[in-house]
Amino acid sequence: MTDQVSVLLHHARARITRHSPHEAADAMRRGALLVDLRPTEYRWRFGEVPGAIAVSRHVLEWRLDVTSEHRLKELRAGDRDQEIVLMCNEGYTSSLAAYQVMSQLGLTRVADVTGGFTAWRAAGLPTVSRLSAG
């Protein structure tokens, strides 16, 4: 028997765009916002993607609601078509979150990173470490 969360994950992934780490990096170069959903401890311990915007999962809807005064300053007011790429540690939470914010907030271009930050780092893409930054 398949557990419910696996069914939910499969359903979400069938409805969102999933980018490889290199495709996500290309999206950033085109102007997409890369939103890092990982907890602060993970970002401190494992590093961060330069240019990514850290948003805790528990406030994601407030930060991505383009009609809200609490939206990320990088989001254009009212623009539901702005490209947003979500990234978590391994690509599970980001898949569920991408589907949820698309469905609930009417955003049209929300994707996630297959394999998350772990895959990004393994692909040799740029990361920065707060621990080595002093």
N, C-alpha and C. Protein backbone atom coordinates (compact mmCIF):
# COMPACT_ATOMS: atom_id res chain seq x y z
N MET A 1 0.84 -1.18 0.00
CA MET A 1 0.00 0.00 0.00
C MET A 1 0.88 1.25 0.00
N THR A 2 0.53 2.21 -0.81
CA THR A 2 1.27 3.47 -0.90
C THR A 2 0.74 4.44 0.15
N ASP A 3 1.68 5.10 0.84
CA ASP A 3 1.24 6.08 1.84
C ASP A 3 0.70 7.33 1.17
N GLN A 4 -0.12 8.06 1.88
CA GLN A 4 -0.82 9.24 1.35
C GLN A 4 0.13 10.34 0.89
N VAL A 5 1.21 10.57 1.65
CA VAL A 5 2.11 11.66 1.28
C VAL A 5 2.82 11.34 -0.04
N SER A 6 3.09 10.07 -0.31
CA SER A 6 3.69 9.70 -1.59
C SER A 6 2.73 9.96 -2.74
N VAL A 7 1.46 9.69 -2.52
CA VAL A 7 0.43 9.99 -3.53
C VAL A 7 0.36 11.50 -3.76
N LEU A 8 0.34 12.25 -2.68
CA LEU A 8 0.30 13.71 -2.77
C LEU A 8 1.52 14.25 -3.52
N LEU A 9 2.70 13.73 -3.21
CA LEU A 9 3.93 14.16 -3.87
C LEU A 9 3.87 13.85 -5.37
N HIS A 10 3.42 12.66 -5.72
CA HIS A 10 3.30 12.27 -7.12
C HIS A 10 2.31 13.20 -7.85
N HIS A 11 1.20 13.49 -7.21
CA HIS A 11 0.19 14.39 -7.77
C HIS A 11 0.78 15.79 -8.00
N ALA A 12 1.48 16.30 -7.01
CA ALA A 12 2.09 17.63 -7.12
C ALA A 12 3.11 17.68 -8.25
N ARG A 13 3.98 16.69 -8.29
CA ARG A 13 5.05 16.69 -9.30
C ARG A 13 4.52 16.54 -10.71
N ALA A 14 3.36 15.93 -10.87
CA ALA A 14 2.76 15.79 -12.20
C ALA A 14 2.22 17.13 -12.71
N ARG A 15 2.10 18.12 -11.82
CA ARG A 15 1.47 19.39 -12.18
C ARG A 15 2.41 20.59 -12.12
N ILE A 16 3.65 20.38 -11.72
CA ILE A 16 4.60 21.50 -11.64
C ILE A 16 5.75 21.26 -12.60
N THR A 17 6.50 22.32 -12.85
CA THR A 17 7.75 22.22 -13.60
C THR A 17 8.86 21.91 -12.61
N ARG A 18 9.69 20.96 -12.96
CA ARG A 18 10.83 20.61 -12.12
C ARG A 18 12.09 20.91 -12.91
N HIS A 19 12.98 21.69 -12.33
CA HIS A 19 14.24 22.05 -13.00
C HIS A 19 15.38 21.24 -12.42
N SER A 20 16.29 20.82 -13.29
CA SER A 20 17.56 20.30 -12.81
C SER A 20 18.30 21.48 -12.17
N PRO A 21 19.32 21.22 -11.39
CA PRO A 21 20.08 22.35 -10.83
C PRO A 21 20.60 23.31 -11.91
N HIS A 22 21.10 22.78 -13.02
CA HIS A 22 21.61 23.66 -14.08
C HIS A 22 20.49 24.47 -14.72
N GLU A 23 19.32 23.86 -14.91
CA GLU A 23 18.18 24.60 -15.44
C GLU A 23 17.73 25.69 -14.47
N ALA A 24 17.79 25.41 -13.17
CA ALA A 24 17.44 26.43 -12.17
C ALA A 24 18.43 27.58 -12.22
N ALA A 25 19.71 27.27 -12.38
CA ALA A 25 20.72 28.33 -12.49
C ALA A 25 20.47 29.18 -13.73
N ASP A 26 20.10 28.54 -14.84
CA ASP A 26 19.75 29.28 -16.06
C ASP A 26 18.53 30.17 -15.82
N ALA A 27 17.54 29.64 -15.11
CA ALA A 27 16.34 30.43 -14.80
C ALA A 27 16.71 31.66 -13.99
N MET A 28 17.61 31.50 -13.03
CA MET A 28 18.07 32.66 -12.24
C MET A 28 18.72 33.71 -13.15
N ARG A 29 19.54 33.26 -14.09
CA ARG A 29 20.19 34.20 -15.02
C ARG A 29 19.16 34.95 -15.86
N ARG A 30 18.02 34.32 -16.12
CA ARG A 30 16.92 34.97 -16.87
C ARG A 30 16.10 35.88 -15.99
N GLY A 31 16.33 35.86 -14.68
CA GLY A 31 15.59 36.74 -13.79
C GLY A 31 14.64 36.05 -12.84
N ALA A 32 14.59 34.72 -12.86
CA ALA A 32 13.72 34.00 -11.92
C ALA A 32 14.22 34.19 -10.50
N LEU A 33 13.29 34.18 -9.57
CA LEU A 33 13.65 34.22 -8.15
C LEU A 33 13.86 32.81 -7.66
N LEU A 34 15.01 32.54 -7.06
CA LEU A 34 15.26 31.25 -6.42
C LEU A 34 14.99 31.44 -4.94
N VAL A 35 14.01 30.70 -4.43
CA VAL A 35 13.59 30.81 -3.04
C VAL A 35 14.04 29.55 -2.30
N ASP A 36 14.88 29.75 -1.30
CA ASP A 36 15.44 28.66 -0.50
C ASP A 36 14.56 28.44 0.72
N LEU A 37 13.91 27.29 0.78
CA LEU A 37 12.98 26.97 1.86
C LEU A 37 13.65 26.28 3.05
N ARG A 38 14.93 25.99 2.95
CA ARG A 38 15.59 25.22 4.00
C ARG A 38 15.67 26.01 5.31
N PRO A 39 15.64 25.30 6.42
CA PRO A 39 15.78 25.97 7.72
C PRO A 39 17.14 26.68 7.82
N THR A 40 17.18 27.71 8.64
CA THR A 40 18.40 28.49 8.85
C THR A 40 19.59 27.59 9.17
N GLU A 41 19.37 26.62 10.04
CA GLU A 41 20.46 25.72 10.44
C GLU A 41 21.07 25.02 9.22
N TYR A 42 20.26 24.59 8.29
CA TYR A 42 20.78 23.93 7.09
C TYR A 42 21.59 24.90 6.24
N ARG A 43 21.09 26.11 6.10
CA ARG A 43 21.83 27.10 5.30
C ARG A 43 23.18 27.41 5.94
N TRP A 44 23.21 27.52 7.26
CA TRP A 44 24.46 27.77 7.96
C TRP A 44 25.40 26.57 7.86
N ARG A 45 24.86 25.38 8.01
CA ARG A 45 25.70 24.18 8.04
C ARG A 45 26.21 23.80 6.65
N PHE A 46 25.34 23.85 5.63
CA PHE A 46 25.68 23.32 4.33
C PHE A 46 25.97 24.37 3.27
N GLY A 47 25.60 25.62 3.53
CA GLY A 47 25.86 26.68 2.57
C GLY A 47 24.58 27.18 1.92
N GLU A 48 24.76 28.18 1.08
CA GLU A 48 23.64 28.83 0.40
C GLU A 48 23.98 29.06 -1.06
N VAL A 49 22.97 29.29 -1.84
CA VAL A 49 23.15 29.64 -3.24
C VAL A 49 23.20 31.16 -3.33
N PRO A 50 24.27 31.71 -3.91
CA PRO A 50 24.33 33.16 -4.06
C PRO A 50 23.12 33.67 -4.86
N GLY A 51 22.47 34.68 -4.34
CA GLY A 51 21.32 35.26 -5.02
C GLY A 51 19.99 34.65 -4.63
N ALA A 52 20.01 33.53 -3.92
CA ALA A 52 18.76 32.91 -3.47
C ALA A 52 18.17 33.73 -2.33
N ILE A 53 16.86 33.69 -2.21
CA ILE A 53 16.16 34.40 -1.15
C ILE A 53 15.66 33.36 -0.15
N ALA A 54 16.09 33.49 1.08
CA ALA A 54 15.66 32.55 2.11
C ALA A 54 14.28 32.93 2.63
N VAL A 55 13.37 31.96 2.59
CA VAL A 55 12.01 32.16 3.11
C VAL A 55 11.63 30.90 3.88
N SER A 56 11.28 31.07 5.13
CA SER A 56 10.83 29.93 5.92
C SER A 56 9.53 29.40 5.35
N ARG A 57 9.40 28.09 5.32
CA ARG A 57 8.21 27.47 4.74
C ARG A 57 6.93 27.96 5.39
N HIS A 58 6.97 28.24 6.67
CA HIS A 58 5.74 28.62 7.37
C HIS A 58 5.22 30.01 6.99
N VAL A 59 6.00 30.81 6.29
CA VAL A 59 5.52 32.12 5.83
C VAL A 59 5.54 32.25 4.31
N LEU A 60 5.75 31.14 3.62
CA LEU A 60 5.90 31.18 2.16
C LEU A 60 4.72 31.83 1.46
N GLU A 61 3.50 31.46 1.84
CA GLU A 61 2.32 32.01 1.16
C GLU A 61 2.26 33.53 1.31
N TRP A 62 2.60 34.05 2.47
CA TRP A 62 2.59 35.51 2.68
C TRP A 62 3.64 36.18 1.80
N ARG A 63 4.80 35.57 1.68
CA ARG A 63 5.89 36.17 0.91
C ARG A 63 5.70 36.06 -0.59
N LEU A 64 4.94 35.07 -1.04
CA LEU A 64 4.74 34.89 -2.49
C LEU A 64 3.40 35.42 -2.98
N ASP A 65 2.57 35.92 -2.11
CA ASP A 65 1.29 36.49 -2.52
C ASP A 65 1.54 37.86 -3.14
N VAL A 66 1.44 37.92 -4.46
CA VAL A 66 1.77 39.16 -5.18
C VAL A 66 0.78 40.28 -4.90
N THR A 67 -0.32 39.98 -4.21
CA THR A 67 -1.29 41.02 -3.86
C THR A 67 -1.10 41.51 -2.42
N SER A 68 -0.14 40.95 -1.72
CA SER A 68 0.03 41.26 -0.30
C SER A 68 1.11 42.30 -0.06
N GLU A 69 0.90 43.11 0.94
CA GLU A 69 1.94 44.06 1.35
C GLU A 69 3.13 43.34 1.98
N HIS A 70 2.97 42.08 2.31
CA HIS A 70 4.04 41.29 2.93
C HIS A 70 4.84 40.48 1.92
N ARG A 71 4.57 40.65 0.62
CA ARG A 71 5.28 39.89 -0.40
C ARG A 71 6.76 40.26 -0.41
N LEU A 72 7.55 39.38 -0.98
CA LEU A 72 8.96 39.66 -1.18
C LEU A 72 9.11 40.93 -2.01
N LYS A 73 10.06 41.75 -1.66
CA LYS A 73 10.25 43.00 -2.40
C LYS A 73 10.68 42.74 -3.85
N GLU A 74 11.21 41.55 -4.10
CA GLU A 74 11.64 41.18 -5.45
C GLU A 74 10.47 40.79 -6.36
N LEU A 75 9.30 40.58 -5.79
CA LEU A 75 8.12 40.24 -6.59
C LEU A 75 7.43 41.50 -7.08
N ARG A 76 7.02 41.47 -8.32
CA ARG A 76 6.29 42.59 -8.89
C ARG A 76 4.83 42.51 -8.44
N ALA A 77 4.32 43.58 -7.91
CA ALA A 77 2.95 43.62 -7.41
C ALA A 77 1.98 43.16 -8.49
N GLY A 78 1.15 42.19 -8.15
CA GLY A 78 0.11 41.73 -9.05
C GLY A 78 0.57 40.81 -10.18
N ASP A 79 1.87 40.58 -10.32
CA ASP A 79 2.40 39.78 -11.44
C ASP A 79 2.39 38.30 -11.08
N ARG A 80 1.36 37.60 -11.50
CA ARG A 80 1.24 36.17 -11.20
C ARG A 80 2.08 35.30 -12.14
N ASP A 81 2.70 35.93 -13.16
CA ASP A 81 3.49 35.19 -14.15
C ASP A 81 4.99 35.27 -13.92
N GLN A 82 5.43 35.94 -12.88
CA GLN A 82 6.86 36.03 -12.60
C GLN A 82 7.40 34.64 -12.26
N GLU A 83 8.55 34.31 -12.79
CA GLU A 83 9.11 32.98 -12.58
C GLU A 83 9.72 32.86 -11.19
N ILE A 84 9.31 31.82 -10.47
CA ILE A 84 9.78 31.55 -9.11
C ILE A 84 10.20 30.09 -9.06
N VAL A 85 11.38 29.84 -8.53
CA VAL A 85 11.88 28.47 -8.39
C VAL A 85 12.11 28.23 -6.90
N LEU A 86 11.47 27.18 -6.38
CA LEU A 86 11.62 26.83 -4.97
C LEU A 86 12.67 25.73 -4.81
N MET A 87 13.44 25.84 -3.74
CA MET A 87 14.47 24.84 -3.47
C MET A 87 14.46 24.49 -1.98
N CYS A 88 14.46 23.20 -1.70
CA CYS A 88 14.61 22.72 -0.32
C CYS A 88 15.90 21.91 -0.28
N ASN A 89 16.04 21.05 0.67
CA ASN A 89 17.29 20.31 0.79
C ASN A 89 17.42 19.19 -0.25
N GLU A 90 16.33 18.44 -0.49
CA GLU A 90 16.42 17.31 -1.41
C GLU A 90 15.32 17.28 -2.48
N GLY A 91 14.45 18.28 -2.50
CA GLY A 91 13.45 18.37 -3.56
C GLY A 91 12.10 17.76 -3.25
N TYR A 92 11.80 17.53 -2.00
CA TYR A 92 10.49 17.00 -1.63
C TYR A 92 9.56 18.13 -1.17
N THR A 93 9.98 18.85 -0.14
CA THR A 93 9.18 19.96 0.38
C THR A 93 8.92 20.99 -0.71
N SER A 94 9.92 21.25 -1.54
CA SER A 94 9.76 22.26 -2.59
C SER A 94 8.72 21.84 -3.61
N SER A 95 8.63 20.55 -3.93
CA SER A 95 7.60 20.07 -4.87
C SER A 95 6.20 20.32 -4.31
N LEU A 96 6.00 19.93 -3.06
CA LEU A 96 4.70 20.13 -2.43
C LEU A 96 4.36 21.62 -2.31
N ALA A 97 5.35 22.42 -1.92
CA ALA A 97 5.13 23.86 -1.76
C ALA A 97 4.84 24.53 -3.11
N ALA A 98 5.55 24.14 -4.16
CA ALA A 98 5.32 24.74 -5.48
C ALA A 98 3.89 24.49 -5.93
N TYR A 99 3.43 23.28 -5.79
CA TYR A 99 2.06 22.97 -6.19
C TYR A 99 1.06 23.74 -5.34
N GLN A 100 1.31 23.80 -4.05
CA GLN A 100 0.38 24.48 -3.15
C GLN A 100 0.28 25.97 -3.47
N VAL A 101 1.40 26.66 -3.65
CA VAL A 101 1.31 28.11 -3.89
C VAL A 101 0.74 28.40 -5.28
N MET A 102 1.01 27.52 -6.24
CA MET A 102 0.40 27.71 -7.56
C MET A 102 -1.12 27.58 -7.45
N SER A 103 -1.55 26.53 -6.76
CA SER A 103 -2.99 26.26 -6.64
C SER A 103 -3.71 27.33 -5.83
N GLN A 104 -3.13 27.71 -4.71
CA GLN A 104 -3.83 28.60 -3.79
C GLN A 104 -3.65 30.07 -4.10
N LEU A 105 -2.52 30.46 -4.70
CA LEU A 105 -2.27 31.88 -4.95
C LEU A 105 -2.42 32.25 -6.42
N GLY A 106 -2.66 31.28 -7.27
CA GLY A 106 -2.86 31.57 -8.69
C GLY A 106 -1.59 31.96 -9.42
N LEU A 107 -0.44 31.58 -8.90
CA LEU A 107 0.82 31.85 -9.58
C LEU A 107 0.98 30.86 -10.71
N THR A 108 1.48 31.32 -11.85
CA THR A 108 1.52 30.46 -13.04
C THR A 108 2.88 29.85 -13.33
N ARG A 109 3.95 30.41 -12.76
CA ARG A 109 5.30 29.94 -13.12
C ARG A 109 6.12 29.62 -11.87
N VAL A 110 5.65 28.66 -11.11
CA VAL A 110 6.38 28.22 -9.93
C VAL A 110 6.93 26.83 -10.21
N ALA A 111 8.22 26.66 -10.02
CA ALA A 111 8.89 25.38 -10.25
C ALA A 111 9.67 25.01 -9.01
N ASP A 112 10.29 23.84 -9.05
CA ASP A 112 11.21 23.48 -7.97
C ASP A 112 12.46 22.86 -8.56
N VAL A 113 13.45 22.63 -7.70
CA VAL A 113 14.74 22.08 -8.12
C VAL A 113 14.76 20.59 -7.78
N THR A 114 14.88 19.77 -8.79
CA THR A 114 14.99 18.33 -8.59
C THR A 114 16.25 18.03 -7.78
N GLY A 115 16.07 17.37 -6.66
CA GLY A 115 17.21 17.03 -5.80
C GLY A 115 17.61 18.13 -4.85
N GLY A 116 16.99 19.30 -4.98
CA GLY A 116 17.22 20.41 -4.05
C GLY A 116 18.66 20.88 -3.97
N PHE A 117 18.98 21.48 -2.81
CA PHE A 117 20.31 22.03 -2.60
C PHE A 117 21.38 20.95 -2.69
N THR A 118 21.06 19.75 -2.24
CA THR A 118 22.03 18.65 -2.29
C THR A 118 22.47 18.40 -3.73
N ALA A 119 21.53 18.38 -4.66
CA ALA A 119 21.85 18.18 -6.07
C ALA A 119 22.56 19.40 -6.66
N TRP A 120 22.15 20.59 -6.23
CA TRP A 120 22.80 21.83 -6.69
C TRP A 120 24.29 21.78 -6.36
N ARG A 121 24.60 21.49 -5.12
CA ARG A 121 26.00 21.43 -4.68
C ARG A 121 26.75 20.30 -5.39
N ALA A 122 26.12 19.13 -5.54
CA ALA A 122 26.75 18.00 -6.22
C ALA A 122 27.04 18.31 -7.69
N ALA A 123 26.23 19.20 -8.29
CA ALA A 123 26.43 19.59 -9.69
C ALA A 123 27.58 20.59 -9.84
N GLY A 124 28.17 21.01 -8.73
CA GLY A 124 29.29 21.95 -8.78
C GLY A 124 28.88 23.38 -9.01
N LEU A 125 27.60 23.68 -8.80
CA LEU A 125 27.13 25.06 -8.97
C LEU A 125 27.54 25.90 -7.77
N PRO A 126 27.56 27.22 -7.91
CA PRO A 126 28.09 28.08 -6.84
C PRO A 126 27.30 27.99 -5.53
N THR A 127 28.03 27.93 -4.46
CA THR A 127 27.47 28.02 -3.12
C THR A 127 28.39 28.89 -2.28
N VAL A 128 27.87 29.44 -1.23
CA VAL A 128 28.67 30.20 -0.28
C VAL A 128 28.40 29.65 1.11
N SER A 129 29.40 29.72 1.95
CA SER A 129 29.26 29.22 3.31
C SER A 129 29.37 30.37 4.28
N ARG A 130 28.41 30.47 5.17
CA ARG A 130 28.48 31.49 6.21
C ARG A 130 29.57 31.17 7.22
N LEU A 131 29.83 29.87 7.42
CA LEU A 131 30.83 29.47 8.41
C LEU A 131 32.22 29.93 8.01
N SER A 132 32.51 29.89 6.71
CA SER A 132 33.83 30.33 6.26
C SER A 132 33.89 31.83 6.02
N ALA A 133 32.73 32.48 6.03
CA ALA A 133 32.69 33.92 5.79
C ALA A 133 33.12 34.72 7.02
N GLY A 134 33.32 34.03 8.11
CA GLY A 134 33.84 34.71 9.28
C GLY A 134 32.81 34.95 10.28
